[in-house]
Amino acid sequence: MTTRRDLLAGAGLAALAAHVPAVARAQGKDSVTIAMTLEPPTLDPTSGAAQAIREVTLQNIFEGLVKMDRTGKIVPCLAESWAVAADNVTYTFKLRTNASFHDGTAFTSELVKFSFDRAVAPDSTNAQRQLFAPIAEIATPDAATVVIRLKQPTANFLYGLAWGDAVIVAPATAAGNKTSPVGTGPFKFMRWNRGDRLELARFDGYWGEKPALAKAVFRFMSDPQAQVAALRAGDVDAQTNLSAPEAVAQLKSDPKLKVTIGKTEGEVVLAINNGKPLFNDLRVRQAIAHVLDRKTIALGVYGFDVDLIGSHFSPLHPAYVDLTGTYPVDIPKAKALLAQAGFPNGFNCTLKLPPPAYARRSGEIIAALLAQIGINAAIEPLEFPQWLERVFRGKDYDLSVIAHTEPLDIDIYARDDYYFQYKNPEFKALMAKIAVTLPDAERNALYGEAQRMLARDAVNGFLFILPKITVTAAALEGMWTDWPLPITPLAEVRWR
């Protein structure tokens, strides 16, 4: 019998970085260097699903009609106000008249219409096209007014407009935004040295309050111990989400640094390809669910307790239901289920893992857990562009580990072409009902039904919520502790 100690030791956690003396931060700085684990594959948040795109660009380079603040509240952005008619399908947005793009193009209602039409065009690569599906018509009665009429009341329409997929772009520059982004945000793109860093500069023509920072540099560091060494040496001023949780105690003891551990909307799952005959068998998925010791996995990754989940839903939402007990750890039962499915001796499969430490470390522990019931999951490490191409877009995988960081994204299970390949008409009908249910109490009750359905069907292995470990120079202020959206809003960052 494999013990928890064996599993944690087998995870192969790296040793802490050697002590590097921290250097004093310069006083009166107006620039910041921020380390990120993953490099964005492109710089256009409307072109792909990668979290790293939004971390760099959302609310920095690009903006939407509305935005989400650090508490998760929807607040004005390019739309200074809005009104919803009594019919609950007509939204009237009053736009800012002093906003412009970094190249001088004026922001107008026509560009809102262009951006949303582009999002649902046949050749669109927008990862969240469903955000715009409820739109029946967009009218632009004048340059500062947009009227959007929906096909039916849609409870989370405004919420979705705060996502990176709904930013406003201009026709002349939209095609080049992947490598030379032009938006309306407080910072403009300067240069991108792939594999190393990306530089932004303050946009002096910004419509809003002038940012304290004149320059920001994102450095891409995938190695957890390199992150620790750079922070301690003062080579970087902040790390948005530390990949070396075992170094937290060491970093907290450094007086020139501060560490916060916040919450995200990131459901970490063992993704299962339900479209493959092997995993289309509920008994196989149930067997996997019965061996996933979430606490062991989370402790192996972080060394401290995190929020565990039993379905694809955040504990921060009032509709959350604790379903972690749906399939308790039960090795004999798991073996019996596999035998019933025709695999008394288990089977071989692949476990394709993207670069983040939580995925690689979770994968090692999960492989050891699955081996207890004869499932030999061969680990295949992938770089993130490979993961996006082969797993997310190509559906060429058996198992994987990934965090889904968009808030309130349970509706992804209603998409037939999504990479989980879960096809359940009953679930689709339930999500369609949720979309048009406006009273919060009624909608939350339906969300509870949806969570139970996913848990019961063991669609994926639901593991834990991704914590946000932020490390900054002690004198740096304004970084978000929690992540209602995975972004780094530089306009709020300043030196004390």
Protein backbone atom coordinates (compact mmCIF):
# COMPACT_ATOMS: atom_id res chain seq x y z
CA MET A 1 0.00 0.00 0.00
CA THR A 2 1.44 3.38 -1.01
CA THR A 3 1.55 5.78 1.93
CA ARG A 4 1.04 9.51 1.89
CA ARG A 5 4.69 9.94 2.91
CA ASP A 6 5.79 7.84 -0.09
CA LEU A 7 3.66 9.94 -2.42
CA LEU A 8 4.96 13.23 -1.11
CA ALA A 9 8.54 12.02 -1.31
CA GLY A 10 7.89 10.73 -4.82
CA ALA A 11 6.77 14.14 -5.96
CA GLY A 12 10.42 15.14 -6.09
CA LEU A 13 10.04 18.66 -4.69
CA ALA A 14 13.10 20.74 -5.44
CA ALA A 15 15.35 21.95 -2.66
CA LEU A 16 15.16 25.58 -1.66
CA ALA A 17 17.40 27.96 -3.54
CA ALA A 18 20.71 28.83 -1.96
CA HIS A 19 20.61 31.95 0.16
CA VAL A 20 21.07 35.05 -1.95
CA PRO A 21 21.38 38.31 -0.01
CA ALA A 22 18.62 40.76 -0.88
CA VAL A 23 19.72 44.15 -2.14
CA ALA A 24 18.18 47.41 -1.14
CA ARG A 25 15.47 48.76 -3.41
CA ALA A 26 16.07 52.19 -4.86
CA GLN A 27 13.94 54.98 -3.46
CA GLY A 28 11.66 56.96 -5.75
CA LYS A 29 11.49 54.27 -8.43
CA ASP A 30 8.95 54.65 -11.21
CA SER A 31 9.49 51.25 -12.85
CA VAL A 32 8.81 47.68 -11.82
CA THR A 33 10.06 44.26 -12.91
CA ILE A 34 7.60 41.42 -12.44
CA ALA A 35 8.43 37.73 -12.86
CA MET A 36 5.93 35.38 -14.46
CA THR A 37 6.09 31.59 -14.66
CA LEU A 38 4.62 31.32 -18.16
CA GLU A 39 5.24 33.45 -21.21
CA PRO A 40 2.10 34.36 -23.16
CA PRO A 41 1.90 32.64 -26.56
CA THR A 42 0.45 35.84 -28.04
CA LEU A 43 -0.48 39.28 -26.71
CA ASP A 44 -4.07 39.34 -27.97
CA PRO A 45 -6.53 38.18 -25.28
CA THR A 46 -9.18 37.66 -27.96
CA SER A 47 -7.00 35.13 -29.78
CA GLY A 48 -6.46 32.38 -27.24
CA ALA A 49 -7.30 30.91 -23.86
CA ALA A 50 -3.89 31.13 -22.15
CA GLN A 51 -4.02 32.80 -18.74
CA ALA A 52 -0.63 34.44 -19.29
CA ILE A 53 -2.06 36.62 -22.09
CA ARG A 54 -4.50 38.22 -19.67
CA GLU A 55 -1.92 38.57 -16.89
CA VAL A 56 0.11 40.87 -19.12
CA THR A 57 -2.50 42.66 -21.22
CA LEU A 58 -5.88 42.91 -19.48
CA GLN A 59 -6.45 46.32 -17.86
CA ASN A 60 -2.89 47.24 -18.88
CA ILE A 61 -2.86 47.34 -22.68
CA PHE A 62 -6.47 46.41 -23.41
CA GLU A 63 -9.76 47.39 -21.79
CA GLY A 64 -13.40 46.42 -22.07
CA LEU A 65 -16.63 48.29 -21.55
CA VAL A 66 -16.52 47.19 -17.92
CA LYS A 67 -13.86 45.68 -15.72
CA MET A 68 -13.59 43.62 -12.57
CA ASP A 69 -11.97 45.16 -9.49
CA ARG A 70 -9.89 43.33 -6.90
CA THR A 71 -13.04 42.30 -5.00
CA GLY A 72 -14.69 40.79 -8.08
CA LYS A 73 -17.14 43.68 -8.47
CA ILE A 74 -18.07 44.87 -11.97
CA VAL A 75 -17.19 48.57 -12.34
CA PRO A 76 -17.12 51.07 -15.25
CA CYS A 77 -14.23 51.14 -17.69
CA LEU A 78 -14.60 52.30 -21.31
CA ALA A 79 -18.30 52.57 -20.58
CA GLU A 80 -18.70 55.24 -17.91
CA SER A 81 -22.24 54.03 -17.17
CA TRP A 82 -24.92 51.65 -18.38
CA ALA A 83 -28.62 51.00 -17.96
CA VAL A 84 -30.66 47.83 -18.34
CA ALA A 85 -34.23 48.25 -19.60
CA ALA A 86 -37.24 46.71 -17.88
CA ASP A 87 -37.30 43.97 -20.53
CA ASN A 88 -33.90 42.74 -19.24
CA VAL A 89 -32.64 42.37 -22.82
CA THR A 90 -31.70 45.95 -23.74
CA TYR A 91 -28.43 47.37 -22.43
CA THR A 92 -27.49 50.99 -23.12
CA PHE A 93 -23.85 51.91 -22.56
CA LYS A 94 -22.66 55.51 -22.33
CA LEU A 95 -19.06 55.59 -23.50
CA ARG A 96 -16.13 57.74 -22.45
CA THR A 97 -15.54 60.49 -24.97
CA ASN A 98 -11.91 61.14 -23.99
CA ALA A 99 -10.56 57.63 -24.59
CA SER A 100 -8.25 56.79 -27.49
CA PHE A 101 -6.02 53.98 -28.64
CA HIS A 102 -2.26 54.10 -28.26
CA ASP A 103 -1.89 55.00 -31.95
CA GLY A 104 -4.27 57.96 -31.63
CA THR A 105 -7.40 56.24 -32.98
CA ALA A 106 -10.48 57.60 -31.22
CA PHE A 107 -12.56 55.18 -29.18
CA THR A 108 -16.16 55.19 -30.45
CA SER A 109 -19.27 53.07 -30.43
CA GLU A 110 -18.43 51.72 -33.89
CA LEU A 111 -15.33 50.06 -32.45
CA VAL A 112 -17.42 48.32 -29.80
CA LYS A 113 -19.64 46.92 -32.53
CA PHE A 114 -16.58 45.94 -34.59
CA SER A 115 -15.00 44.13 -31.64
CA PHE A 116 -18.10 42.14 -30.72
CA ASP A 117 -18.95 41.28 -34.34
CA ARG A 118 -15.36 40.13 -34.80
CA ALA A 119 -15.65 37.88 -31.73
CA VAL A 120 -18.45 35.82 -33.31
CA ALA A 121 -17.29 35.94 -36.94
CA PRO A 122 -16.81 32.56 -38.68
CA ASP A 123 -13.03 32.93 -38.58
CA SER A 124 -12.94 34.07 -34.95
CA THR A 125 -10.38 32.48 -32.64
CA ASN A 126 -12.00 33.93 -29.53
CA ALA A 127 -11.90 31.27 -26.82
CA GLN A 128 -15.10 32.56 -25.20
CA ARG A 129 -17.36 33.14 -28.20
CA GLN A 130 -20.33 32.05 -26.12
CA LEU A 131 -20.09 35.35 -24.21
CA PHE A 132 -21.43 37.08 -27.31
CA ALA A 133 -23.91 34.41 -28.41
CA PRO A 134 -26.84 36.07 -26.56
CA ILE A 135 -26.47 39.27 -28.63
CA ALA A 136 -29.26 39.81 -31.15
CA GLU A 137 -28.36 43.31 -32.30
CA ILE A 138 -25.86 46.11 -31.65
CA ALA A 139 -26.92 49.67 -32.42
CA THR A 140 -24.68 52.75 -32.40
CA PRO A 141 -27.02 55.78 -32.36
CA ASP A 142 -24.03 58.08 -31.82
CA ALA A 143 -20.30 57.86 -31.20
CA ALA A 144 -20.73 57.76 -27.42
CA THR A 145 -23.67 55.35 -27.17
CA VAL A 146 -23.97 51.61 -27.71
CA VAL A 147 -27.29 49.79 -27.41
CA ILE A 148 -27.05 46.00 -27.19
CA ARG A 149 -30.23 43.97 -27.47
CA LEU A 150 -30.06 40.36 -26.35
CA LYS A 151 -32.05 37.43 -27.71
CA GLN A 152 -33.27 36.69 -24.20
CA PRO A 153 -32.47 37.73 -20.62
CA THR A 154 -28.93 36.57 -19.82
CA ALA A 155 -27.95 36.58 -16.17
CA ASN A 156 -24.17 36.82 -16.58
CA PHE A 157 -23.92 38.94 -19.73
CA LEU A 158 -22.38 41.98 -18.03
CA TYR A 159 -20.09 39.75 -16.00
CA GLY A 160 -18.65 38.24 -19.19
CA LEU A 161 -17.87 41.67 -20.62
CA ALA A 162 -15.17 42.06 -17.93
CA TRP A 163 -13.20 39.12 -19.33
CA GLY A 164 -10.20 39.57 -21.58
CA ASP A 165 -12.12 38.04 -24.47
CA ALA A 166 -14.38 41.12 -24.56
CA VAL A 167 -11.75 43.87 -24.84
CA ILE A 168 -12.25 46.57 -27.47
CA VAL A 169 -9.89 46.60 -30.44
CA ALA A 170 -9.59 48.78 -33.55
CA PRO A 171 -9.92 47.55 -37.18
CA ALA A 172 -6.59 49.00 -38.29
CA THR A 173 -4.55 47.22 -35.62
CA ALA A 174 -6.61 44.14 -34.67
CA ALA A 175 -4.72 41.78 -36.96
CA GLY A 176 -1.37 42.77 -35.43
CA ASN A 177 -2.38 42.57 -31.79
CA LYS A 178 -0.83 39.13 -31.33
CA THR A 179 2.68 40.59 -31.50
CA SER A 180 2.25 44.40 -31.46
CA PRO A 181 -0.84 45.08 -29.37
CA VAL A 182 -2.58 48.46 -29.52
CA GLY A 183 -5.29 49.15 -26.97
CA THR A 184 -6.78 51.94 -24.87
CA GLY A 185 -5.21 50.97 -21.55
CA PRO A 186 -2.90 52.90 -19.22
CA PHE A 187 0.19 51.16 -20.63
CA LYS A 188 1.38 50.74 -24.20
CA PHE A 189 3.46 47.98 -25.72
CA MET A 190 7.17 48.71 -26.25
CA ARG A 191 9.03 45.49 -27.04
CA TRP A 192 8.90 41.72 -26.59
CA ASN A 193 12.06 39.64 -26.44
CA ARG A 194 10.59 36.15 -26.68
CA GLY A 195 11.81 33.76 -24.05
CA ASP A 196 13.05 36.60 -21.87
CA ARG A 197 10.96 39.70 -21.24
CA LEU A 198 8.22 42.07 -22.35
CA GLU A 199 8.31 45.83 -21.74
CA LEU A 200 5.42 48.28 -21.36
CA ALA A 201 5.50 52.06 -20.94
CA ARG A 202 2.98 54.44 -19.45
CA PHE A 203 0.52 55.82 -22.02
CA ASP A 204 0.47 59.56 -21.46
CA GLY A 205 -2.75 59.95 -23.43
CA TYR A 206 -4.70 57.65 -21.12
CA TRP A 207 -8.27 58.76 -20.37
CA GLY A 208 -8.06 57.86 -16.67
CA GLU A 209 -5.81 58.62 -13.74
CA LYS A 210 -2.12 58.72 -14.61
CA PRO A 211 -0.32 55.58 -13.35
CA ALA A 212 2.53 56.05 -10.87
CA LEU A 213 4.73 53.68 -12.89
CA ALA A 214 6.41 54.92 -16.05
CA LYS A 215 7.63 51.49 -17.12
CA ALA A 216 6.91 47.84 -16.40
CA VAL A 217 8.92 44.79 -17.39
CA PHE A 218 7.59 41.23 -17.31
CA ARG A 219 10.36 38.64 -17.06
CA PHE A 220 9.54 35.04 -17.87
CA MET A 221 10.99 32.53 -15.39
CA SER A 222 9.67 29.00 -15.47
CA ASP A 223 12.15 27.58 -12.96
CA PRO A 224 10.78 27.86 -9.38
CA GLN A 225 14.18 28.23 -7.76
CA ALA A 226 15.24 30.88 -10.27
CA GLN A 227 12.15 32.83 -9.15
CA VAL A 228 13.23 32.58 -5.52
CA ALA A 229 16.82 33.60 -6.27
CA ALA A 230 15.71 36.59 -8.38
CA LEU A 231 13.37 37.83 -5.66
CA ARG A 232 15.99 37.55 -2.93
CA ALA A 233 18.66 39.19 -5.07
CA GLY A 234 16.36 42.07 -6.03
CA ASP A 235 16.59 41.21 -9.72
CA VAL A 236 12.80 41.27 -9.85
CA ASP A 237 10.43 43.32 -7.73
CA ALA A 238 7.50 40.91 -7.71
CA GLN A 239 6.39 37.42 -8.63
CA THR A 240 2.72 37.22 -9.59
CA ASN A 241 2.28 33.59 -8.56
CA LEU A 242 5.27 31.86 -6.99
CA SER A 243 5.97 28.35 -8.28
CA ALA A 244 8.05 27.34 -5.25
CA PRO A 245 5.58 27.16 -2.33
CA GLU A 246 8.18 25.34 -0.25
CA ALA A 247 10.12 28.62 -0.19
CA VAL A 248 7.31 30.65 1.39
CA ALA A 249 8.70 30.45 4.93
CA GLN A 250 12.16 31.45 3.74
CA LEU A 251 10.82 34.41 1.79
CA LYS A 252 8.58 35.56 4.65
CA SER A 253 11.66 35.80 6.86
CA ASP A 254 13.34 38.24 4.47
CA PRO A 255 12.60 41.79 5.72
CA LYS A 256 12.98 43.22 2.23
CA LEU A 257 10.15 41.07 0.91
CA LYS A 258 6.48 40.54 1.67
CA VAL A 259 4.43 37.45 0.91
CA THR A 260 0.66 37.12 0.58
CA ILE A 261 -1.35 33.96 -0.04
CA GLY A 262 -4.65 34.75 -1.70
CA LYS A 263 -7.42 32.98 -3.52
CA THR A 264 -8.15 32.58 -7.20
CA GLU A 265 -11.04 31.32 -9.30
CA GLY A 266 -8.77 28.58 -10.65
CA GLU A 267 -10.27 25.11 -10.40
CA VAL A 268 -7.39 22.65 -10.73
CA VAL A 269 -8.64 19.46 -12.36
CA LEU A 270 -7.34 16.16 -13.57
CA ALA A 271 -8.78 16.62 -17.06
CA ILE A 272 -10.19 13.40 -18.52
CA ASN A 273 -10.81 12.89 -22.23
CA ASN A 274 -14.41 11.72 -22.05
CA GLY A 275 -14.42 11.34 -25.84
CA LYS A 276 -12.12 8.31 -25.76
CA PRO A 277 -13.90 4.96 -25.43
CA LEU A 278 -11.82 4.02 -22.41
CA PHE A 279 -12.82 7.13 -20.43
CA ASN A 280 -16.34 7.31 -21.79
CA ASP A 281 -17.12 4.50 -19.35
CA LEU A 282 -18.49 6.04 -16.14
CA ARG A 283 -17.09 3.15 -14.08
CA VAL A 284 -13.54 3.99 -15.21
CA ARG A 285 -13.98 7.64 -14.28
CA GLN A 286 -15.52 6.65 -10.94
CA ALA A 287 -12.56 4.38 -10.24
CA ILE A 288 -10.20 7.29 -10.87
CA ALA A 289 -12.30 9.50 -8.58
CA HIS A 290 -12.04 6.94 -5.77
CA VAL A 291 -8.21 7.08 -5.74
CA LEU A 292 -7.73 10.86 -5.94
CA ASP A 293 -6.71 11.77 -2.41
CA ARG A 294 -7.06 15.53 -2.80
CA LYS A 295 -5.42 16.38 0.50
CA THR A 296 -2.35 14.31 -0.31
CA ILE A 297 -2.10 15.92 -3.74
CA ALA A 298 -2.47 19.47 -2.41
CA LEU A 299 -0.02 18.94 0.45
CA GLY A 300 2.47 17.43 -1.97
CA VAL A 301 2.28 20.50 -4.17
CA TYR A 302 2.08 23.27 -1.55
CA GLY A 303 2.92 21.90 1.87
CA PHE A 304 -0.08 23.73 3.34
CA ASP A 305 -3.86 23.40 3.17
CA VAL A 306 -5.75 24.82 0.20
CA ASP A 307 -9.44 24.78 -0.73
CA LEU A 308 -10.43 21.34 -2.01
CA ILE A 309 -13.23 20.94 -4.55
CA GLY A 310 -15.55 18.14 -5.63
CA SER A 311 -16.95 19.80 -8.74
CA HIS A 312 -16.05 22.62 -11.11
CA PHE A 313 -17.07 25.55 -8.92
CA SER A 314 -15.35 28.08 -6.69
CA PRO A 315 -15.97 28.06 -2.92
CA LEU A 316 -15.99 31.88 -3.13
CA HIS A 317 -19.35 31.83 -4.93
CA PRO A 318 -22.54 31.73 -2.81
CA ALA A 319 -23.87 28.84 -4.91
CA TYR A 320 -20.94 26.57 -4.02
CA VAL A 321 -21.79 23.05 -2.82
CA ASP A 322 -19.17 20.95 -1.04
CA LEU A 323 -19.09 17.70 -3.03
CA THR A 324 -15.65 16.47 -2.00
CA GLY A 325 -17.29 13.46 -0.35
CA THR A 326 -19.04 12.22 -3.50
CA TYR A 327 -16.32 9.66 -4.21
CA PRO A 328 -14.30 9.08 -1.02
CA VAL A 329 -10.91 7.42 -1.29
CA ASP A 330 -11.65 3.70 -1.57
CA ILE A 331 -9.02 1.57 -3.30
CA PRO A 332 -10.93 -1.77 -3.18
CA LYS A 333 -14.01 -0.13 -4.67
CA ALA A 334 -11.91 1.51 -7.36
CA LYS A 335 -10.41 -1.84 -8.31
CA ALA A 336 -13.85 -3.43 -8.39
CA LEU A 337 -15.16 -0.70 -10.70
CA LEU A 338 -12.23 -1.20 -13.06
CA ALA A 339 -12.87 -4.97 -13.08
CA GLN A 340 -16.54 -4.36 -13.89
CA ALA A 341 -15.45 -2.16 -16.78
CA GLY A 342 -13.27 -4.98 -18.13
CA PHE A 343 -9.91 -3.91 -16.74
CA PRO A 344 -9.18 -6.17 -13.77
CA ASN A 345 -5.45 -5.55 -14.20
CA GLY A 346 -5.73 -1.87 -15.03
CA PHE A 347 -4.50 -0.27 -18.26
CA ASN A 348 -1.89 2.06 -19.72
CA CYS A 349 -2.55 5.70 -20.57
CA THR A 350 -0.74 9.03 -20.88
CA LEU A 351 -0.74 12.00 -18.52
CA LYS A 352 0.25 15.12 -20.46
CA LEU A 353 1.38 17.95 -18.20
CA PRO A 354 1.91 21.67 -18.94
CA PRO A 355 4.83 23.52 -17.29
CA PRO A 356 3.33 25.11 -14.12
CA ALA A 357 4.71 23.56 -10.94
CA TYR A 358 1.22 22.79 -9.59
CA ALA A 359 0.54 20.69 -12.72
CA ARG A 360 3.87 18.86 -12.84
CA ARG A 361 3.90 18.13 -9.10
CA SER A 362 0.23 17.13 -8.99
CA GLY A 363 0.81 14.87 -11.98
CA GLU A 364 3.60 12.96 -10.25
CA ILE A 365 1.43 12.29 -7.21
CA ILE A 366 -1.63 11.41 -9.29
CA ALA A 367 0.41 8.90 -11.31
CA ALA A 368 1.46 7.22 -8.06
CA LEU A 369 -2.13 7.15 -6.82
CA LEU A 370 -3.45 5.65 -10.06
CA ALA A 371 -0.75 2.97 -9.97
CA GLN A 372 -2.43 1.59 -6.84
CA ILE A 373 -5.27 0.29 -9.02
CA GLY A 374 -3.17 -0.75 -11.99
CA ILE A 375 -3.54 2.39 -14.09
CA ASN A 376 -0.09 3.11 -15.51
CA ALA A 377 -0.18 6.82 -16.42
CA ALA A 378 2.97 7.64 -18.37
CA ILE A 379 3.87 11.28 -17.76
CA GLU A 380 4.60 13.39 -20.82
CA PRO A 381 5.79 16.95 -20.05
CA LEU A 382 4.70 19.57 -22.58
CA GLU A 383 5.59 23.20 -23.08
CA PHE A 384 2.54 25.40 -22.89
CA PRO A 385 2.18 26.07 -26.65
CA GLN A 386 2.34 22.30 -27.16
CA TRP A 387 -0.31 21.78 -24.48
CA LEU A 388 -2.61 24.33 -26.10
CA GLU A 389 -2.17 22.77 -29.53
CA ARG A 390 -2.29 19.08 -28.65
CA VAL A 391 -4.52 18.94 -25.58
CA PHE A 392 -6.75 22.02 -25.59
CA ARG A 393 -7.28 22.36 -29.34
CA GLY A 394 -6.36 18.92 -30.67
CA LYS A 395 -7.95 16.82 -27.89
CA ASP A 396 -4.98 14.47 -28.30
CA TYR A 397 -4.66 13.26 -24.72
CA ASP A 398 -5.91 10.79 -22.13
CA LEU A 399 -5.35 12.73 -18.90
CA SER A 400 -3.91 16.13 -18.04
CA VAL A 401 -3.73 18.59 -15.13
CA ILE A 402 -4.66 22.23 -15.53
CA ALA A 403 -6.22 25.17 -13.66
CA HIS A 404 -9.26 26.82 -15.25
CA THR A 405 -8.94 30.38 -13.99
CA GLU A 406 -11.95 32.09 -15.57
CA PRO A 407 -14.61 32.89 -12.95
CA LEU A 408 -17.95 31.11 -13.05
CA ASP A 409 -16.92 28.95 -15.99
CA ILE A 410 -18.97 25.82 -15.26
CA ASP A 411 -20.69 26.37 -18.61
CA ILE A 412 -17.64 24.98 -20.44
CA TYR A 413 -19.07 21.51 -19.77
CA ALA A 414 -22.03 22.38 -22.01
CA ARG A 415 -19.80 22.82 -25.06
CA ASP A 416 -19.71 19.73 -27.25
CA ASP A 417 -16.38 20.70 -28.83
CA TYR A 418 -14.60 21.47 -25.56
CA TYR A 419 -11.51 19.40 -24.89
CA PHE A 420 -13.13 17.36 -22.08
CA GLN A 421 -15.56 16.05 -24.75
CA TYR A 422 -18.32 15.66 -22.16
CA LYS A 423 -21.63 15.41 -24.02
CA ASN A 424 -24.66 15.45 -21.76
CA PRO A 425 -27.91 16.93 -23.16
CA GLU A 426 -29.34 17.15 -19.64
CA PHE A 427 -26.43 19.30 -18.49
CA LYS A 428 -26.68 21.51 -21.58
CA ALA A 429 -30.38 22.07 -20.91
CA LEU A 430 -29.64 22.94 -17.30
CA MET A 431 -27.01 25.52 -18.27
CA ALA A 432 -29.41 27.05 -20.80
CA LYS A 433 -31.96 27.40 -18.01
CA ILE A 434 -29.39 28.98 -15.70
CA ALA A 435 -28.49 31.56 -18.35
CA VAL A 436 -32.02 32.99 -18.41
CA THR A 437 -32.78 32.69 -14.69
CA LEU A 438 -32.36 36.18 -13.23
CA PRO A 439 -33.26 35.89 -9.50
CA ASP A 440 -30.04 35.06 -7.65
CA ALA A 441 -31.57 32.50 -5.28
CA GLU A 442 -33.18 30.52 -8.10
CA ARG A 443 -30.07 30.67 -10.26
CA ASN A 444 -27.83 29.58 -7.39
CA ALA A 445 -30.06 26.57 -6.73
CA LEU A 446 -29.68 25.56 -10.36
CA TYR A 447 -25.91 25.99 -10.11
CA GLY A 448 -26.06 23.51 -7.23
CA GLU A 449 -27.79 20.99 -9.50
CA ALA A 450 -25.13 21.53 -12.15
CA GLN A 451 -22.32 20.94 -9.66
CA ARG A 452 -23.93 17.71 -8.47
CA MET A 453 -24.35 16.46 -12.02
CA LEU A 454 -20.66 16.99 -12.86
CA ALA A 455 -19.58 15.39 -9.58
CA ARG A 456 -21.89 12.41 -10.07
CA ASP A 457 -20.64 11.87 -13.63
CA ALA A 458 -17.00 12.16 -12.46
CA VAL A 459 -16.36 14.13 -15.64
CA ASN A 460 -12.93 15.18 -14.39
CA GLY A 461 -10.92 14.65 -11.26
CA PHE A 462 -11.83 17.78 -9.29
CA LEU A 463 -8.86 18.61 -7.06
CA PHE A 464 -8.39 22.03 -5.46
CA ILE A 465 -8.52 25.78 -5.98
CA LEU A 466 -5.26 27.30 -7.15
CA PRO A 467 -3.88 29.57 -4.42
CA LYS A 468 -2.16 32.82 -5.38
CA ILE A 469 1.25 33.21 -3.76
CA THR A 470 2.46 36.76 -4.41
CA VAL A 471 5.92 37.91 -3.39
CA THR A 472 6.92 41.54 -3.74
CA ALA A 473 9.53 43.98 -2.55
CA ALA A 474 8.41 45.32 0.84
CA ALA A 475 8.08 48.85 -0.54
CA LEU A 476 5.91 47.87 -3.51
CA GLU A 477 2.18 48.40 -3.09
CA GLY A 478 -0.95 47.69 -5.11
CA MET A 479 -0.49 44.10 -6.28
CA TRP A 480 -3.68 42.07 -5.92
CA THR A 481 -3.76 39.51 -3.12
CA ASP A 482 -6.71 37.60 -4.60
CA TRP A 483 -7.39 36.90 -8.27
CA PRO A 484 -11.07 37.19 -9.21
CA LEU A 485 -9.51 37.34 -12.67
CA PRO A 486 -5.90 36.42 -13.52
CA ILE A 487 -4.58 39.92 -14.18
CA THR A 488 -1.79 42.24 -13.03
CA PRO A 489 -3.29 45.76 -13.12
CA LEU A 490 -0.18 47.92 -13.23
CA ALA A 491 -2.11 51.17 -12.84
CA GLU A 492 -2.68 50.27 -9.18
CA VAL A 493 0.99 49.49 -8.47
CA ARG A 494 3.32 52.05 -6.94
CA TRP A 495 6.42 52.34 -4.77
CA ARG A 496 6.02 53.57 -1.24
